[in-house]
Amino acid sequence: MAQPDWLGGPPGRRHVLALDGGGVRGMVTLRMLEAFEQHFGVAASDAFDFFAGTSTGAIIAALLAFRRLPAGEILGCTATSSDASSSRASGARASAASLRP
């Protein structure tokens, strides 16, 4: 990978992105990555050589490393997934309520 000018440093230097887990905290991570991408004008997947993460951070790291998705697109996926989970949960509550005597 050719180093963007904003990274500087000696040639051959590697950049590691380590992402914390914690469920909803992944949204904060994605917002920060989105701001990073907008500020520097480069996708996080292109700015870093190695990606690591735990829990939610590992999922985000995989999407960045293997799918090469920008943070905003990953955010869109999580919003859609969150909406679907919420719909399923409220549907399950309604079904459970209908079973009560």
C-alpha atoms as a PDB file:
ATOM      1  CA  MET A   1       0.000   0.000   0.000  1.00  0.00           C
ATOM      2  CA  ALA A   2       1.372   3.419  -0.885  1.00  0.00           C
ATOM      3  CA  GLN A   3       1.484   5.725   2.108  1.00  0.00           C
ATOM      4  CA  PRO A   4      -0.751   8.789   1.918  1.00  0.00           C
ATOM      5  CA  ASP A   5       1.115  12.058   2.519  1.00  0.00           C
ATOM      6  CA  TRP A   6      -0.764  12.749   5.755  1.00  0.00           C
ATOM      7  CA  LEU A   7       0.730   9.685   7.453  1.00  0.00           C
ATOM      8  CA  GLY A   8       4.364  10.700   7.068  1.00  0.00           C
ATOM      9  CA  GLY A   9       7.037   8.645   8.748  1.00  0.00           C
ATOM     10  CA  PRO A  10       9.729   6.433   7.265  1.00  0.00           C
ATOM     11  CA  PRO A  11       9.001   4.203   4.265  1.00  0.00           C
ATOM     12  CA  GLY A  12       7.825   0.729   5.192  1.00  0.00           C
ATOM     13  CA  ARG A  13       6.097   1.894   8.351  1.00  0.00           C
ATOM     14  CA  ARG A  14       2.921  -0.086   9.141  1.00  0.00           C
ATOM     15  CA  HIS A  15      -0.268   1.279  10.693  1.00  0.00           C
ATOM     16  CA  VAL A  16      -2.495  -0.834  12.941  1.00  0.00           C
ATOM     17  CA  LEU A  17      -6.118  -0.025  13.754  1.00  0.00           C
ATOM     18  CA  ALA A  18      -7.271  -1.706  16.988  1.00  0.00           C
ATOM     19  CA  LEU A  19     -10.970  -1.458  17.778  1.00  0.00           C
ATOM     20  CA  ASP A  20     -12.604  -2.057  21.150  1.00  0.00           C
ATOM     21  CA  GLY A  21     -15.778  -4.069  21.538  1.00  0.00           C
ATOM     22  CA  GLY A  22     -18.776  -3.537  23.721  1.00  0.00           C
ATOM     23  CA  GLY A  23     -21.963  -3.694  21.693  1.00  0.00           C
ATOM     24  CA  VAL A  24     -23.367  -0.200  21.277  1.00  0.00           C
ATOM     25  CA  ARG A  25     -19.904   1.328  21.757  1.00  0.00           C
ATOM     26  CA  GLY A  26     -19.233   0.085  18.237  1.00  0.00           C
ATOM     27  CA  MET A  27     -21.481   2.907  17.035  1.00  0.00           C
ATOM     28  CA  VAL A  28     -19.160   5.434  18.691  1.00  0.00           C
ATOM     29  CA  THR A  29     -16.188   3.743  17.024  1.00  0.00           C
ATOM     30  CA  LEU A  30     -17.897   3.914  13.642  1.00  0.00           C
ATOM     31  CA  ARG A  31     -18.787   7.598  14.098  1.00  0.00           C
ATOM     32  CA  MET A  32     -15.150   8.341  14.948  1.00  0.00           C
ATOM     33  CA  LEU A  33     -13.943   6.387  11.911  1.00  0.00           C
ATOM     34  CA  GLU A  34     -16.466   8.216   9.748  1.00  0.00           C
ATOM     35  CA  ALA A  35     -15.115  11.569  11.020  1.00  0.00           C
ATOM     36  CA  PHE A  36     -11.554  10.324  10.400  1.00  0.00           C
ATOM     37  CA  GLU A  37     -12.435   9.433   6.810  1.00  0.00           C
ATOM     38  CA  GLN A  38     -14.098  12.792   6.183  1.00  0.00           C
ATOM     39  CA  HIS A  39     -11.293  14.779   7.801  1.00  0.00           C
ATOM     40  CA  PHE A  40      -8.445  13.051   5.960  1.00  0.00           C
ATOM     41  CA  GLY A  41     -10.342  12.259   2.763  1.00  0.00           C
ATOM     42  CA  VAL A  42      -9.265   8.635   2.799  1.00  0.00           C
ATOM     43  CA  ALA A  43     -11.131   5.442   3.694  1.00  0.00           C
ATOM     44  CA  ALA A  44      -9.985   3.840   6.946  1.00  0.00           C
ATOM     45  CA  SER A  45      -9.587   0.590   5.020  1.00  0.00           C
ATOM     46  CA  ASP A  46      -6.948   2.314   2.866  1.00  0.00           C
ATOM     47  CA  ALA A  47      -5.219   4.195   5.688  1.00  0.00           C
ATOM     48  CA  PHE A  48      -4.338   1.169   7.822  1.00  0.00           C
ATOM     49  CA  ASP A  49      -2.373  -1.972   7.049  1.00  0.00           C
ATOM     50  CA  PHE A  50      -3.634  -4.207   9.857  1.00  0.00           C
ATOM     51  CA  PHE A  51      -6.978  -4.393  11.642  1.00  0.00           C
ATOM     52  CA  ALA A  52      -7.758  -5.966  15.017  1.00  0.00           C
ATOM     53  CA  GLY A  53     -10.723  -5.888  17.334  1.00  0.00           C
ATOM     54  CA  THR A  54     -12.649  -7.570  20.111  1.00  0.00           C
ATOM     55  CA  SER A  55     -16.349  -8.328  20.012  1.00  0.00           C
ATOM     56  CA  THR A  56     -18.089  -5.578  18.003  1.00  0.00           C
ATOM     57  CA  GLY A  57     -14.674  -4.143  17.158  1.00  0.00           C
ATOM     58  CA  ALA A  58     -13.727  -7.450  15.499  1.00  0.00           C
ATOM     59  CA  ILE A  59     -16.824  -7.303  13.296  1.00  0.00           C
ATOM     60  CA  ILE A  60     -16.019  -3.728  12.282  1.00  0.00           C
ATOM     61  CA  ALA A  61     -12.361  -4.674  11.687  1.00  0.00           C
ATOM     62  CA  ALA A  62     -13.435  -7.566   9.443  1.00  0.00           C
ATOM     63  CA  LEU A  63     -15.752  -5.331   7.410  1.00  0.00           C
ATOM     64  CA  LEU A  64     -12.966  -2.769   6.991  1.00  0.00           C
ATOM     65  CA  ALA A  65     -10.267  -5.316   6.158  1.00  0.00           C
ATOM     66  CA  PHE A  66     -12.101  -7.821   3.980  1.00  0.00           C
ATOM     67  CA  ARG A  67     -15.054  -5.931   2.544  1.00  0.00           C
ATOM     68  CA  ARG A  68     -13.191  -2.599   2.348  1.00  0.00           C
ATOM     69  CA  LEU A  69     -16.377  -0.798   3.412  1.00  0.00           C
ATOM     70  CA  PRO A  70     -16.287   2.850   4.498  1.00  0.00           C
ATOM     71  CA  ALA A  71     -17.416   3.532   8.074  1.00  0.00           C
ATOM     72  CA  GLY A  72     -20.602   5.288   6.924  1.00  0.00           C
ATOM     73  CA  GLU A  73     -21.711   2.228   4.993  1.00  0.00           C
ATOM     74  CA  ILE A  74     -21.070  -0.027   7.996  1.00  0.00           C
ATOM     75  CA  LEU A  75     -23.118   2.411  10.105  1.00  0.00           C
ATOM     76  CA  GLY A  76     -25.948   2.025   7.603  1.00  0.00           C
ATOM     77  CA  CYS A  77     -25.780  -1.757   7.984  1.00  0.00           C
ATOM     78  CA  THR A  78     -25.937  -1.546  11.777  1.00  0.00           C
ATOM     79  CA  ALA A  79     -28.894   0.846  11.674  1.00  0.00           C
ATOM     80  CA  THR A  80     -30.797  -1.548   9.400  1.00  0.00           C
ATOM     81  CA  SER A  81     -29.855  -4.520  11.566  1.00  0.00           C
ATOM     82  CA  SER A  82     -30.825  -2.644  14.729  1.00  0.00           C
ATOM     83  CA  ASP A  83     -34.221  -1.734  13.260  1.00  0.00           C
ATOM     84  CA  ALA A  84     -34.835  -5.359  12.271  1.00  0.00           C
ATOM     85  CA  SER A  85     -33.848  -6.601  15.747  1.00  0.00           C
ATOM     86  CA  SER A  86     -36.126  -4.060  17.344  1.00  0.00           C
ATOM     87  CA  SER A  87     -39.030  -5.157  15.123  1.00  0.00           C
ATOM     88  CA  ARG A  88     -38.441  -8.816  15.973  1.00  0.00           C
ATOM     89  CA  ALA A  89     -38.257  -8.028  19.688  1.00  0.00           C
ATOM     90  CA  SER A  90     -41.508  -6.048  19.694  1.00  0.00           C
ATOM     91  CA  GLY A  91     -43.160  -8.803  17.639  1.00  0.00           C
ATOM     92  CA  ALA A  92     -42.021 -11.390  20.181  1.00  0.00           C
ATOM     93  CA  ARG A  93     -43.366  -9.251  23.048  1.00  0.00           C
ATOM     94  CA  ALA A  94     -46.723  -8.921  21.272  1.00  0.00           C
ATOM     95  CA  SER A  95     -46.868 -12.685  20.725  1.00  0.00           C
ATOM     96  CA  ALA A  96     -46.008 -13.361  24.364  1.00  0.00           C
ATOM     97  CA  ALA A  97     -48.661 -10.866  25.498  1.00  0.00           C
ATOM     98  CA  SER A  98     -51.314 -12.613  23.405  1.00  0.00           C
ATOM     99  CA  LEU A  99     -50.552 -15.903  25.216  1.00  0.00           C
ATOM    100  CA  ARG A 100     -51.347 -14.480  28.650  1.00  0.00           C
ATOM    101  CA  PRO A 101     -54.713 -15.482  30.143  1.00  0.00           C
END
